[in-house]
Amino acid sequence: MKINYNFIAALLLIICSCSRPKEIDIDNNKLLENIKILSNDTLEGRYFSTPGNYKAQKFIIRKFKEIGLKTFSQNNYLQTFSYTFKGQKRQDVFPVKKDLTNVPDTTAIGGNILGMLKGQTNKSIVITAHFDHLGIKDGKIFNGADDNASGTAALFTIAEYFKNKPIYHNLIFAAVDAEEIGSLGAEYFLKNFNDKKNIALNINLDMIAHSDYDPELFACGLYHYPDLRKPLKRIKSDKVILLFGHDAPEDKDQSDWTFSSDHRVFHREKIPFIYFGVPDHKDYHRSTDTFATINTDFYIESVKIIIQAIENFDEYLKD
């Protein structure tokens, strides 16, 4: 029997190319510089309706402009909203004196920053990341590098990657405010989005830069939307393990993240979501959540995995 070595070589080449992780070309240094800026002390923890939070808004707007994202209305990236905190809720969010019996109502101003890359259809994939954090407590700045400067800085890198590539869906980038006090920004965004029926998917990024032990990133949501599994199974990485879970209420071995971040707002409206994140870690909601404590290699690879996911979903969710 004659052996066709050329055929065998070609077959091996195909097999190797299929198993090799896809090359995703991003500017690693720019990604790290942006998360460093967003988690800097000068932003004072980015607490809702504070000067540090407003500084973060201005920085995000500047980045969206530099990338060249389209605005939604009146050439303005900023979507402002107000929220009135009453009684004990006001005391919880904006504490005044302790043991005050008559707590005055307070109206606070927040802002989402929205930009878009136009696709070939009226259907959209909405990519969300909250930029607010916990501010200053007992004189300590809670910088929130992983939670969630990581997701916000990733928005810029993802937008840069896709801005000169053909896409089918509109990609909407939403840096949303006030997640830490109840997803007020995401709620306002969706409530005032006029074309909800054409949102094909929400991809939410919240805490994607920290790996205490194994380099594991979770994609949450498949319990509720099992049809979204196939595009995620096609993702390849030799540096970070992509796991599925944290979304089944009856699973006693894992906490349920279905309502743990801004994707909950979309899920309540029956809009499919995938949430990328990591489990709570030793620096979660502590002043030690700084740029110095994130895992930079893990973070870079996580962003590349998310880019692969968006590419796959853009193709998979075509009409």
C-alpha atoms as a PDB file:
ATOM      1  CA  MET A   1       0.000   0.000   0.000  1.00  0.00           C
ATOM      2  CA  LYS A   2       1.315   3.401  -0.943  1.00  0.00           C
ATOM      3  CA  ILE A   3       1.390   5.980   1.839  1.00  0.00           C
ATOM      4  CA  ASN A   4       0.477   9.493   0.815  1.00  0.00           C
ATOM      5  CA  TYR A   5       2.791  11.495   3.055  1.00  0.00           C
ATOM      6  CA  ASN A   6       1.623  14.789   1.588  1.00  0.00           C
ATOM      7  CA  PHE A   7      -1.945  13.991   2.587  1.00  0.00           C
ATOM      8  CA  ILE A   8      -0.885  12.992   6.115  1.00  0.00           C
ATOM      9  CA  ALA A   9       1.159  16.179   6.505  1.00  0.00           C
ATOM     10  CA  ALA A  10      -1.761  18.308   5.348  1.00  0.00           C
ATOM     11  CA  LEU A  11      -4.118  16.489   7.721  1.00  0.00           C
ATOM     12  CA  LEU A  12      -1.781  17.012  10.675  1.00  0.00           C
ATOM     13  CA  LEU A  13      -1.489  20.692   9.770  1.00  0.00           C
ATOM     14  CA  ILE A  14      -5.270  21.049   9.811  1.00  0.00           C
ATOM     15  CA  ILE A  15      -5.539  19.238  13.157  1.00  0.00           C
ATOM     16  CA  CYS A  16      -2.834  21.399  14.724  1.00  0.00           C
ATOM     17  CA  SER A  17      -4.339  24.627  13.410  1.00  0.00           C
ATOM     18  CA  CYS A  18      -7.766  23.650  14.758  1.00  0.00           C
ATOM     19  CA  SER A  19      -6.419  23.035  18.268  1.00  0.00           C
ATOM     20  CA  ARG A  20      -4.164  26.093  18.399  1.00  0.00           C
ATOM     21  CA  PRO A  21      -5.507  29.137  20.271  1.00  0.00           C
ATOM     22  CA  LYS A  22      -6.552  31.953  17.986  1.00  0.00           C
ATOM     23  CA  GLU A  23      -4.180  34.909  17.788  1.00  0.00           C
ATOM     24  CA  ILE A  24      -5.944  37.995  19.155  1.00  0.00           C
ATOM     25  CA  ASP A  25      -3.926  41.130  18.512  1.00  0.00           C
ATOM     26  CA  ILE A  26      -4.506  43.747  21.224  1.00  0.00           C
ATOM     27  CA  ASP A  27      -2.363  46.441  22.846  1.00  0.00           C
ATOM     28  CA  ASN A  28      -1.530  44.852  26.201  1.00  0.00           C
ATOM     29  CA  ASN A  29       0.264  47.923  27.514  1.00  0.00           C
ATOM     30  CA  LYS A  30      -2.658  50.211  26.730  1.00  0.00           C
ATOM     31  CA  LEU A  31      -5.081  47.808  28.428  1.00  0.00           C
ATOM     32  CA  LEU A  32      -2.974  47.784  31.598  1.00  0.00           C
ATOM     33  CA  GLU A  33      -2.455  51.542  31.509  1.00  0.00           C
ATOM     34  CA  ASN A  34      -6.212  52.104  31.357  1.00  0.00           C
ATOM     35  CA  ILE A  35      -7.034  49.847  34.311  1.00  0.00           C
ATOM     36  CA  LYS A  36      -4.225  51.534  36.230  1.00  0.00           C
ATOM     37  CA  ILE A  37      -5.713  54.982  35.566  1.00  0.00           C
ATOM     38  CA  LEU A  38      -9.238  53.900  36.499  1.00  0.00           C
ATOM     39  CA  SER A  39      -8.048  52.410  39.803  1.00  0.00           C
ATOM     40  CA  ASN A  40      -5.783  55.314  40.707  1.00  0.00           C
ATOM     41  CA  ASP A  41      -6.148  57.095  44.059  1.00  0.00           C
ATOM     42  CA  THR A  42      -7.074  60.324  42.253  1.00  0.00           C
ATOM     43  CA  LEU A  43     -10.484  58.809  41.392  1.00  0.00           C
ATOM     44  CA  GLU A  44     -11.103  58.162  45.096  1.00  0.00           C
ATOM     45  CA  GLY A  45     -12.848  54.821  44.600  1.00  0.00           C
ATOM     46  CA  ARG A  46     -15.370  56.090  41.991  1.00  0.00           C
ATOM     47  CA  TYR A  47     -18.336  56.025  44.389  1.00  0.00           C
ATOM     48  CA  PHE A  48     -21.681  56.955  42.839  1.00  0.00           C
ATOM     49  CA  SER A  49     -22.347  60.695  42.515  1.00  0.00           C
ATOM     50  CA  THR A  50     -18.962  61.820  43.867  1.00  0.00           C
ATOM     51  CA  PRO A  51     -16.156  63.894  42.278  1.00  0.00           C
ATOM     52  CA  GLY A  52     -14.043  60.756  41.762  1.00  0.00           C
ATOM     53  CA  ASN A  53     -16.898  59.073  39.910  1.00  0.00           C
ATOM     54  CA  TYR A  54     -17.337  62.155  37.690  1.00  0.00           C
ATOM     55  CA  LYS A  55     -13.603  62.088  36.907  1.00  0.00           C
ATOM     56  CA  ALA A  56     -13.992  58.471  35.805  1.00  0.00           C
ATOM     57  CA  GLN A  57     -16.916  59.458  33.562  1.00  0.00           C
ATOM     58  CA  LYS A  58     -14.793  62.118  31.848  1.00  0.00           C
ATOM     59  CA  PHE A  59     -11.959  59.656  31.276  1.00  0.00           C
ATOM     60  CA  ILE A  60     -14.301  57.051  29.770  1.00  0.00           C
ATOM     61  CA  ILE A  61     -15.873  59.668  27.488  1.00  0.00           C
ATOM     62  CA  ARG A  62     -12.410  60.697  26.304  1.00  0.00           C
ATOM     63  CA  LYS A  63     -11.507  57.083  25.509  1.00  0.00           C
ATOM     64  CA  PHE A  64     -14.766  56.506  23.601  1.00  0.00           C
ATOM     65  CA  LYS A  65     -14.031  59.645  21.543  1.00  0.00           C
ATOM     66  CA  GLU A  66     -10.463  58.550  20.819  1.00  0.00           C
ATOM     67  CA  ILE A  67     -11.675  55.163  19.612  1.00  0.00           C
ATOM     68  CA  GLY A  68     -14.285  56.830  17.420  1.00  0.00           C
ATOM     69  CA  LEU A  69     -17.406  55.164  18.778  1.00  0.00           C
ATOM     70  CA  LYS A  70     -20.717  56.558  17.559  1.00  0.00           C
ATOM     71  CA  THR A  71     -22.873  58.423  20.063  1.00  0.00           C
ATOM     72  CA  PHE A  72     -26.510  57.637  20.714  1.00  0.00           C
ATOM     73  CA  SER A  73     -28.024  61.094  20.811  1.00  0.00           C
ATOM     74  CA  GLN A  74     -27.041  64.729  20.219  1.00  0.00           C
ATOM     75  CA  ASN A  75     -23.349  63.828  19.832  1.00  0.00           C
ATOM     76  CA  ASN A  76     -23.219  63.003  23.525  1.00  0.00           C
ATOM     77  CA  TYR A  77     -21.776  59.842  25.064  1.00  0.00           C
ATOM     78  CA  LEU A  78     -23.080  60.687  28.537  1.00  0.00           C
ATOM     79  CA  GLN A  79     -26.534  59.504  29.622  1.00  0.00           C
ATOM     80  CA  THR A  80     -27.309  61.233  32.913  1.00  0.00           C
ATOM     81  CA  PHE A  81     -29.922  60.014  35.363  1.00  0.00           C
ATOM     82  CA  SER A  82     -31.073  60.948  38.830  1.00  0.00           C
ATOM     83  CA  TYR A  83     -32.244  58.810  41.705  1.00  0.00           C
ATOM     84  CA  THR A  84     -33.899  59.882  44.953  1.00  0.00           C
ATOM     85  CA  PHE A  85     -32.865  57.964  48.054  1.00  0.00           C
ATOM     86  CA  LYS A  86     -35.443  58.014  50.804  1.00  0.00           C
ATOM     87  CA  GLY A  87     -35.334  57.241  54.498  1.00  0.00           C
ATOM     88  CA  GLN A  88     -33.053  54.385  55.518  1.00  0.00           C
ATOM     89  CA  LYS A  89     -31.939  53.815  51.938  1.00  0.00           C
ATOM     90  CA  ARG A  90     -30.557  57.364  51.913  1.00  0.00           C
ATOM     91  CA  GLN A  91     -28.707  56.631  55.169  1.00  0.00           C
ATOM     92  CA  ASP A  92     -27.266  53.389  53.731  1.00  0.00           C
ATOM     93  CA  VAL A  93     -26.002  54.999  50.515  1.00  0.00           C
ATOM     94  CA  PHE A  94     -25.063  58.497  51.725  1.00  0.00           C
ATOM     95  CA  PRO A  95     -24.619  58.230  55.510  1.00  0.00           C
ATOM     96  CA  VAL A  96     -25.163  61.303  57.646  1.00  0.00           C
ATOM     97  CA  LYS A  97     -25.121  61.234  61.450  1.00  0.00           C
ATOM     98  CA  LYS A  98     -25.542  57.895  63.160  1.00  0.00           C
ATOM     99  CA  ASP A  99     -28.833  57.152  64.913  1.00  0.00           C
ATOM    100  CA  LEU A 100     -30.568  59.986  63.071  1.00  0.00           C
ATOM    101  CA  THR A 101     -34.312  59.366  63.267  1.00  0.00           C
ATOM    102  CA  ASN A 102     -35.514  61.690  60.486  1.00  0.00           C
ATOM    103  CA  VAL A 103     -33.213  61.027  57.530  1.00  0.00           C
ATOM    104  CA  PRO A 104     -33.735  63.600  54.747  1.00  0.00           C
ATOM    105  CA  ASP A 105     -34.295  62.440  51.173  1.00  0.00           C
ATOM    106  CA  THR A 106     -31.418  62.985  48.752  1.00  0.00           C
ATOM    107  CA  THR A 107     -31.442  63.099  44.962  1.00  0.00           C
ATOM    108  CA  ALA A 108     -28.148  62.050  43.396  1.00  0.00           C
ATOM    109  CA  ILE A 109     -26.965  62.367  39.792  1.00  0.00           C
ATOM    110  CA  GLY A 110     -25.309  59.483  37.957  1.00  0.00           C
ATOM    111  CA  GLY A 111     -24.211  58.841  34.429  1.00  0.00           C
ATOM    112  CA  ASN A 112     -23.775  56.016  31.937  1.00  0.00           C
ATOM    113  CA  ILE A 113     -21.334  56.366  29.045  1.00  0.00           C
ATOM    114  CA  LEU A 114     -22.617  54.807  25.828  1.00  0.00           C
ATOM    115  CA  GLY A 115     -20.974  54.255  22.448  1.00  0.00           C
ATOM    116  CA  MET A 116     -21.576  52.046  19.446  1.00  0.00           C
ATOM    117  CA  LEU A 117     -19.951  50.331  16.478  1.00  0.00           C
ATOM    118  CA  LYS A 118     -22.499  49.959  13.680  1.00  0.00           C
ATOM    119  CA  GLY A 119     -23.109  46.548  12.186  1.00  0.00           C
ATOM    120  CA  GLN A 120     -25.129  45.361   9.206  1.00  0.00           C
ATOM    121  CA  THR A 121     -28.446  44.891  11.007  1.00  0.00           C
ATOM    122  CA  ASN A 122     -30.685  46.592  13.542  1.00  0.00           C
ATOM    123  CA  LYS A 123     -29.938  43.875  16.106  1.00  0.00           C
ATOM    124  CA  SER A 124     -27.400  44.604  18.837  1.00  0.00           C
ATOM    125  CA  ILE A 125     -25.069  42.937  21.290  1.00  0.00           C
ATOM    126  CA  VAL A 126     -24.810  45.114  24.415  1.00  0.00           C
ATOM    127  CA  ILE A 127     -21.480  44.863  26.255  1.00  0.00           C
ATOM    128  CA  THR A 128     -21.748  46.241  29.796  1.00  0.00           C
ATOM    129  CA  ALA A 129     -19.253  46.965  32.555  1.00  0.00           C
ATOM    130  CA  HIS A 130     -19.916  49.063  35.640  1.00  0.00           C
ATOM    131  CA  PHE A 131     -17.302  51.681  36.507  1.00  0.00           C
ATOM    132  CA  ASP A 132     -18.464  52.737  39.978  1.00  0.00           C
ATOM    133  CA  HIS A 133     -16.987  51.288  43.162  1.00  0.00           C
ATOM    134  CA  LEU A 134     -17.087  51.831  46.924  1.00  0.00           C
ATOM    135  CA  GLY A 135     -15.301  55.157  47.339  1.00  0.00           C
ATOM    136  CA  ILE A 136     -13.591  56.008  50.628  1.00  0.00           C
ATOM    137  CA  LYS A 137     -14.349  54.258  53.922  1.00  0.00           C
ATOM    138  CA  ASP A 138     -12.711  55.056  57.250  1.00  0.00           C
ATOM    139  CA  GLY A 139     -10.050  57.045  55.437  1.00  0.00           C
ATOM    140  CA  LYS A 140      -9.132  54.181  53.077  1.00  0.00           C
ATOM    141  CA  ILE A 141      -9.596  54.406  49.316  1.00  0.00           C
ATOM    142  CA  PHE A 142     -11.304  51.389  47.776  1.00  0.00           C
ATOM    143  CA  ASN A 143      -9.767  51.563  44.292  1.00  0.00           C
ATOM    144  CA  GLY A 144     -11.709  48.634  42.797  1.00  0.00           C
ATOM    145  CA  ALA A 145      -9.095  47.541  40.256  1.00  0.00           C
ATOM    146  CA  ASP A 146     -10.714  44.165  39.651  1.00  0.00           C
ATOM    147  CA  ASP A 147     -14.173  45.418  40.680  1.00  0.00           C
ATOM    148  CA  ASN A 148     -14.609  46.864  38.161  1.00  0.00           C
ATOM    149  CA  ALA A 149     -11.915  48.947  36.551  1.00  0.00           C
ATOM    150  CA  SER A 150     -11.015  45.659  34.858  1.00  0.00           C
ATOM    151  CA  GLY A 151     -14.302  45.374  32.966  1.00  0.00           C
ATOM    152  CA  THR A 152     -14.373  49.085  32.099  1.00  0.00           C
ATOM    153  CA  ALA A 153     -10.834  49.148  30.689  1.00  0.00           C
ATOM    154  CA  ALA A 154     -11.669  45.983  28.729  1.00  0.00           C
ATOM    155  CA  LEU A 155     -14.456  47.893  26.939  1.00  0.00           C
ATOM    156  CA  PHE A 156     -11.856  50.188  25.351  1.00  0.00           C
ATOM    157  CA  THR A 157      -9.660  47.296  24.179  1.00  0.00           C
ATOM    158  CA  ILE A 158     -12.630  45.363  22.795  1.00  0.00           C
ATOM    159  CA  ALA A 159     -13.911  48.422  20.919  1.00  0.00           C
ATOM    160  CA  GLU A 160     -10.436  49.087  19.476  1.00  0.00           C
ATOM    161  CA  TYR A 161     -10.235  45.480  18.298  1.00  0.00           C
ATOM    162  CA  PHE A 162     -13.573  45.520  16.487  1.00  0.00           C
ATOM    163  CA  LYS A 163     -13.626  49.075  15.126  1.00  0.00           C
ATOM    164  CA  ASN A 164     -12.007  48.140  11.782  1.00  0.00           C
ATOM    165  CA  LYS A 165     -13.460  44.644  11.495  1.00  0.00           C
ATOM    166  CA  PRO A 166     -16.664  43.630   9.708  1.00  0.00           C
ATOM    167  CA  ILE A 167     -19.394  42.893  12.259  1.00  0.00           C
ATOM    168  CA  TYR A 168     -22.982  41.791  11.760  1.00  0.00           C
ATOM    169  CA  HIS A 169     -24.563  43.072  14.971  1.00  0.00           C
ATOM    170  CA  ASN A 170     -24.274  46.566  16.338  1.00  0.00           C
ATOM    171  CA  LEU A 171     -21.887  46.455  19.274  1.00  0.00           C
ATOM    172  CA  ILE A 172     -23.086  48.762  22.049  1.00  0.00           C
ATOM    173  CA  PHE A 173     -20.524  49.591  24.726  1.00  0.00           C
ATOM    174  CA  ALA A 174     -22.157  50.646  27.973  1.00  0.00           C
ATOM    175  CA  ALA A 175     -20.024  51.767  30.904  1.00  0.00           C
ATOM    176  CA  VAL A 176     -22.746  51.870  33.523  1.00  0.00           C
ATOM    177  CA  ASP A 177     -22.945  53.597  36.886  1.00  0.00           C
ATOM    178  CA  ALA A 178     -24.265  52.640  40.324  1.00  0.00           C
ATOM    179  CA  GLU A 179     -24.011  48.857  40.106  1.00  0.00           C
ATOM    180  CA  GLU A 180     -22.754  48.692  43.664  1.00  0.00           C
ATOM    181  CA  ILE A 181     -26.018  50.164  44.995  1.00  0.00           C
ATOM    182  CA  GLY A 182     -28.446  48.159  42.860  1.00  0.00           C
ATOM    183  CA  SER A 183     -27.629  48.388  39.128  1.00  0.00           C
ATOM    184  CA  LEU A 184     -29.297  51.799  38.869  1.00  0.00           C
ATOM    185  CA  GLY A 185     -27.332  52.739  35.742  1.00  0.00           C
ATOM    186  CA  ALA A 186     -28.010  49.520  33.844  1.00  0.00           C
ATOM    187  CA  GLU A 187     -31.667  49.729  34.828  1.00  0.00           C
ATOM    188  CA  TYR A 188     -31.943  53.289  33.526  1.00  0.00           C
ATOM    189  CA  PHE A 189     -30.141  52.370  30.305  1.00  0.00           C
ATOM    190  CA  LEU A 190     -32.441  49.475  29.508  1.00  0.00           C
ATOM    191  CA  LYS A 191     -35.606  51.294  30.565  1.00  0.00           C
ATOM    192  CA  ASN A 192     -34.779  54.099  28.137  1.00  0.00           C
ATOM    193  CA  PHE A 193     -33.519  51.913  25.284  1.00  0.00           C
ATOM    194  CA  ASN A 194     -36.114  52.208  22.544  1.00  0.00           C
ATOM    195  CA  ASP A 195     -35.306  48.993  20.707  1.00  0.00           C
ATOM    196  CA  LYS A 196     -35.166  46.324  23.421  1.00  0.00           C
ATOM    197  CA  LYS A 197     -36.663  43.678  21.163  1.00  0.00           C
ATOM    198  CA  ASN A 198     -33.575  43.878  18.961  1.00  0.00           C
ATOM    199  CA  ILE A 199     -31.048  43.253  21.734  1.00  0.00           C
ATOM    200  CA  ALA A 200     -29.774  39.813  20.819  1.00  0.00           C
ATOM    201  CA  LEU A 201     -27.485  39.407  23.822  1.00  0.00           C
ATOM    202  CA  ASN A 202     -25.978  41.138  26.849  1.00  0.00           C
ATOM    203  CA  ILE A 203     -22.330  40.386  27.629  1.00  0.00           C
ATOM    204  CA  ASN A 204     -21.509  41.676  31.095  1.00  0.00           C
ATOM    205  CA  LEU A 205     -17.945  42.097  32.360  1.00  0.00           C
ATOM    206  CA  ASP A 206     -17.464  42.378  36.115  1.00  0.00           C
ATOM    207  CA  MET A 207     -14.226  41.306  37.850  1.00  0.00           C
ATOM    208  CA  ILE A 208     -12.076  39.690  35.166  1.00  0.00           C
ATOM    209  CA  ALA A 209      -8.534  40.465  36.406  1.00  0.00           C
ATOM    210  CA  HIS A 210      -7.978  38.411  39.547  1.00  0.00           C
ATOM    211  CA  SER A 211      -6.856  34.829  39.869  1.00  0.00           C
ATOM    212  CA  ASP A 212      -5.967  33.624  43.371  1.00  0.00           C
ATOM    213  CA  TYR A 213      -5.119  30.042  42.463  1.00  0.00           C
ATOM    214  CA  ASP A 214      -5.903  28.412  39.122  1.00  0.00           C
ATOM    215  CA  PRO A 215      -6.298  30.753  36.124  1.00  0.00           C
ATOM    216  CA  GLU A 216     -10.074  30.277  35.810  1.00  0.00           C
ATOM    217  CA  LEU A 217     -12.588  32.612  34.208  1.00  0.00           C
ATOM    218  CA  PHE A 218     -16.295  31.809  34.468  1.00  0.00           C
ATOM    219  CA  ALA A 219     -18.972  32.332  31.840  1.00  0.00           C
ATOM    220  CA  CYS A 220     -22.298  32.435  33.667  1.00  0.00           C
ATOM    221  CA  GLY A 221     -25.744  32.169  32.076  1.00  0.00           C
ATOM    222  CA  LEU A 222     -25.854  28.867  30.210  1.00  0.00           C
ATOM    223  CA  TYR A 223     -28.259  27.297  32.695  1.00  0.00           C
ATOM    224  CA  HIS A 224     -30.835  29.868  31.585  1.00  0.00           C
ATOM    225  CA  TYR A 225     -29.736  30.114  27.928  1.00  0.00           C
ATOM    226  CA  PRO A 226     -28.245  26.715  26.961  1.00  0.00           C
ATOM    227  CA  ASP A 227     -28.295  27.585  23.246  1.00  0.00           C
ATOM    228  CA  LEU A 228     -25.382  29.955  23.881  1.00  0.00           C
ATOM    229  CA  ARG A 229     -23.037  27.112  24.844  1.00  0.00           C
ATOM    230  CA  LYS A 230     -21.799  26.273  21.321  1.00  0.00           C
ATOM    231  CA  PRO A 231     -20.034  29.614  20.600  1.00  0.00           C
ATOM    232  CA  LEU A 232     -18.337  29.488  23.995  1.00  0.00           C
ATOM    233  CA  LYS A 233     -17.139  25.893  23.485  1.00  0.00           C
ATOM    234  CA  ARG A 234     -15.257  27.054  20.386  1.00  0.00           C
ATOM    235  CA  ILE A 235     -13.037  29.399  22.417  1.00  0.00           C
ATOM    236  CA  LYS A 236      -9.427  28.290  22.749  1.00  0.00           C
ATOM    237  CA  SER A 237      -6.845  29.443  25.269  1.00  0.00           C
ATOM    238  CA  ASP A 238      -3.728  27.762  26.611  1.00  0.00           C
ATOM    239  CA  LYS A 239      -3.339  30.247  29.480  1.00  0.00           C
ATOM    240  CA  VAL A 240      -6.779  30.621  31.074  1.00  0.00           C
ATOM    241  CA  ILE A 241      -9.399  27.955  31.719  1.00  0.00           C
ATOM    242  CA  LEU A 242     -12.908  29.022  30.695  1.00  0.00           C
ATOM    243  CA  LEU A 243     -15.481  27.372  32.942  1.00  0.00           C
ATOM    244  CA  PHE A 244     -19.286  27.394  32.862  1.00  0.00           C
ATOM    245  CA  GLY A 245     -21.489  27.630  35.927  1.00  0.00           C
ATOM    246  CA  HIS A 246     -22.553  29.753  38.892  1.00  0.00           C
ATOM    247  CA  ASP A 247     -26.045  30.034  37.405  1.00  0.00           C
ATOM    248  CA  ALA A 248     -28.011  26.980  38.583  1.00  0.00           C
ATOM    249  CA  PRO A 249     -30.111  27.712  41.694  1.00  0.00           C
ATOM    250  CA  GLU A 250     -30.227  24.063  42.756  1.00  0.00           C
ATOM    251  CA  ASP A 251     -26.429  23.629  42.643  1.00  0.00           C
ATOM    252  CA  LYS A 252     -25.416  23.731  46.307  1.00  0.00           C
ATOM    253  CA  ASP A 253     -21.686  23.560  45.493  1.00  0.00           C
ATOM    254  CA  GLN A 254     -21.625  26.926  43.698  1.00  0.00           C
ATOM    255  CA  SER A 255     -23.041  30.332  44.475  1.00  0.00           C
ATOM    256  CA  ASP A 256     -25.642  31.539  41.974  1.00  0.00           C
ATOM    257  CA  TRP A 257     -24.496  34.668  40.107  1.00  0.00           C
ATOM    258  CA  THR A 258     -27.670  35.085  38.047  1.00  0.00           C
ATOM    259  CA  PHE A 259     -28.580  38.303  39.875  1.00  0.00           C
ATOM    260  CA  SER A 260     -25.137  39.328  41.121  1.00  0.00           C
ATOM    261  CA  SER A 261     -24.345  42.134  38.636  1.00  0.00           C
ATOM    262  CA  ASP A 262     -25.821  44.290  35.871  1.00  0.00           C
ATOM    263  CA  HIS A 263     -26.788  41.327  33.654  1.00  0.00           C
ATOM    264  CA  ARG A 264     -29.697  40.775  36.088  1.00  0.00           C
ATOM    265  CA  VAL A 265     -31.461  43.782  34.555  1.00  0.00           C
ATOM    266  CA  PHE A 266     -31.394  42.160  31.108  1.00  0.00           C
ATOM    267  CA  HIS A 267     -32.319  38.719  32.435  1.00  0.00           C
ATOM    268  CA  ARG A 268     -35.450  40.137  34.100  1.00  0.00           C
ATOM    269  CA  GLU A 269     -36.479  41.434  30.659  1.00  0.00           C
ATOM    270  CA  LYS A 270     -35.855  37.953  29.192  1.00  0.00           C
ATOM    271  CA  ILE A 271     -32.858  39.206  27.211  1.00  0.00           C
ATOM    272  CA  PRO A 272     -30.156  36.496  27.076  1.00  0.00           C
ATOM    273  CA  PHE A 273     -26.922  37.224  28.895  1.00  0.00           C
ATOM    274  CA  ILE A 274     -23.447  35.855  29.423  1.00  0.00           C
ATOM    275  CA  TYR A 275     -21.602  37.196  32.432  1.00  0.00           C
ATOM    276  CA  PHE A 276     -17.811  36.892  32.566  1.00  0.00           C
ATOM    277  CA  GLY A 277     -16.249  37.064  36.011  1.00  0.00           C
ATOM    278  CA  VAL A 278     -14.300  35.368  38.785  1.00  0.00           C
ATOM    279  CA  PRO A 279     -15.328  34.208  42.254  1.00  0.00           C
ATOM    280  CA  ASP A 280     -14.997  36.544  45.239  1.00  0.00           C
ATOM    281  CA  HIS A 281     -11.352  36.687  46.324  1.00  0.00           C
ATOM    282  CA  LYS A 282      -9.294  37.965  49.260  1.00  0.00           C
ATOM    283  CA  ASP A 283      -9.251  41.533  47.883  1.00  0.00           C
ATOM    284  CA  TYR A 284     -12.952  41.689  46.943  1.00  0.00           C
ATOM    285  CA  HIS A 285     -14.583  44.848  48.375  1.00  0.00           C
ATOM    286  CA  ARG A 286     -11.414  45.669  50.295  1.00  0.00           C
ATOM    287  CA  SER A 287      -8.946  48.517  50.016  1.00  0.00           C
ATOM    288  CA  THR A 288      -6.399  45.960  48.765  1.00  0.00           C
ATOM    289  CA  ASP A 289      -8.217  45.626  45.422  1.00  0.00           C
ATOM    290  CA  THR A 290      -5.565  47.685  43.644  1.00  0.00           C
ATOM    291  CA  PHE A 291      -3.624  47.528  40.398  1.00  0.00           C
ATOM    292  CA  ALA A 292      -0.766  45.897  42.317  1.00  0.00           C
ATOM    293  CA  THR A 293      -2.917  42.892  43.324  1.00  0.00           C
ATOM    294  CA  ILE A 294      -4.442  41.992  39.953  1.00  0.00           C
ATOM    295  CA  ASN A 295      -2.943  39.220  37.814  1.00  0.00           C
ATOM    296  CA  THR A 296      -1.917  41.056  34.642  1.00  0.00           C
ATOM    297  CA  ASP A 297      -1.272  37.960  32.504  1.00  0.00           C
ATOM    298  CA  PHE A 298      -4.606  36.473  33.530  1.00  0.00           C
ATOM    299  CA  TYR A 299      -6.358  39.782  32.801  1.00  0.00           C
ATOM    300  CA  ILE A 300      -4.891  40.129  29.297  1.00  0.00           C
ATOM    301  CA  GLU A 301      -5.838  36.570  28.414  1.00  0.00           C
ATOM    302  CA  SER A 302      -9.343  37.001  29.863  1.00  0.00           C
ATOM    303  CA  VAL A 303      -9.939  39.980  27.579  1.00  0.00           C
ATOM    304  CA  LYS A 304      -8.754  37.916  24.589  1.00  0.00           C
ATOM    305  CA  ILE A 305     -11.182  35.137  25.543  1.00  0.00           C
ATOM    306  CA  ILE A 306     -14.040  37.660  25.737  1.00  0.00           C
ATOM    307  CA  ILE A 307     -13.114  39.019  22.303  1.00  0.00           C
ATOM    308  CA  GLN A 308     -13.289  35.476  20.920  1.00  0.00           C
ATOM    309  CA  ALA A 309     -16.707  35.085  22.537  1.00  0.00           C
ATOM    310  CA  ILE A 310     -18.013  38.287  20.942  1.00  0.00           C
ATOM    311  CA  GLU A 311     -16.723  37.219  17.524  1.00  0.00           C
ATOM    312  CA  ASN A 312     -18.368  33.823  17.901  1.00  0.00           C
ATOM    313  CA  PHE A 313     -21.679  35.230  19.127  1.00  0.00           C
ATOM    314  CA  ASP A 314     -21.744  37.833  16.347  1.00  0.00           C
ATOM    315  CA  GLU A 315     -21.595  34.991  13.819  1.00  0.00           C
ATOM    316  CA  TYR A 316     -23.760  32.490  15.721  1.00  0.00           C
ATOM    317  CA  LEU A 317     -26.651  34.875  16.411  1.00  0.00           C
ATOM    318  CA  LYS A 318     -27.116  35.961  12.797  1.00  0.00           C
ATOM    319  CA  ASP A 319     -30.712  35.724  11.579  1.00  0.00           C
END
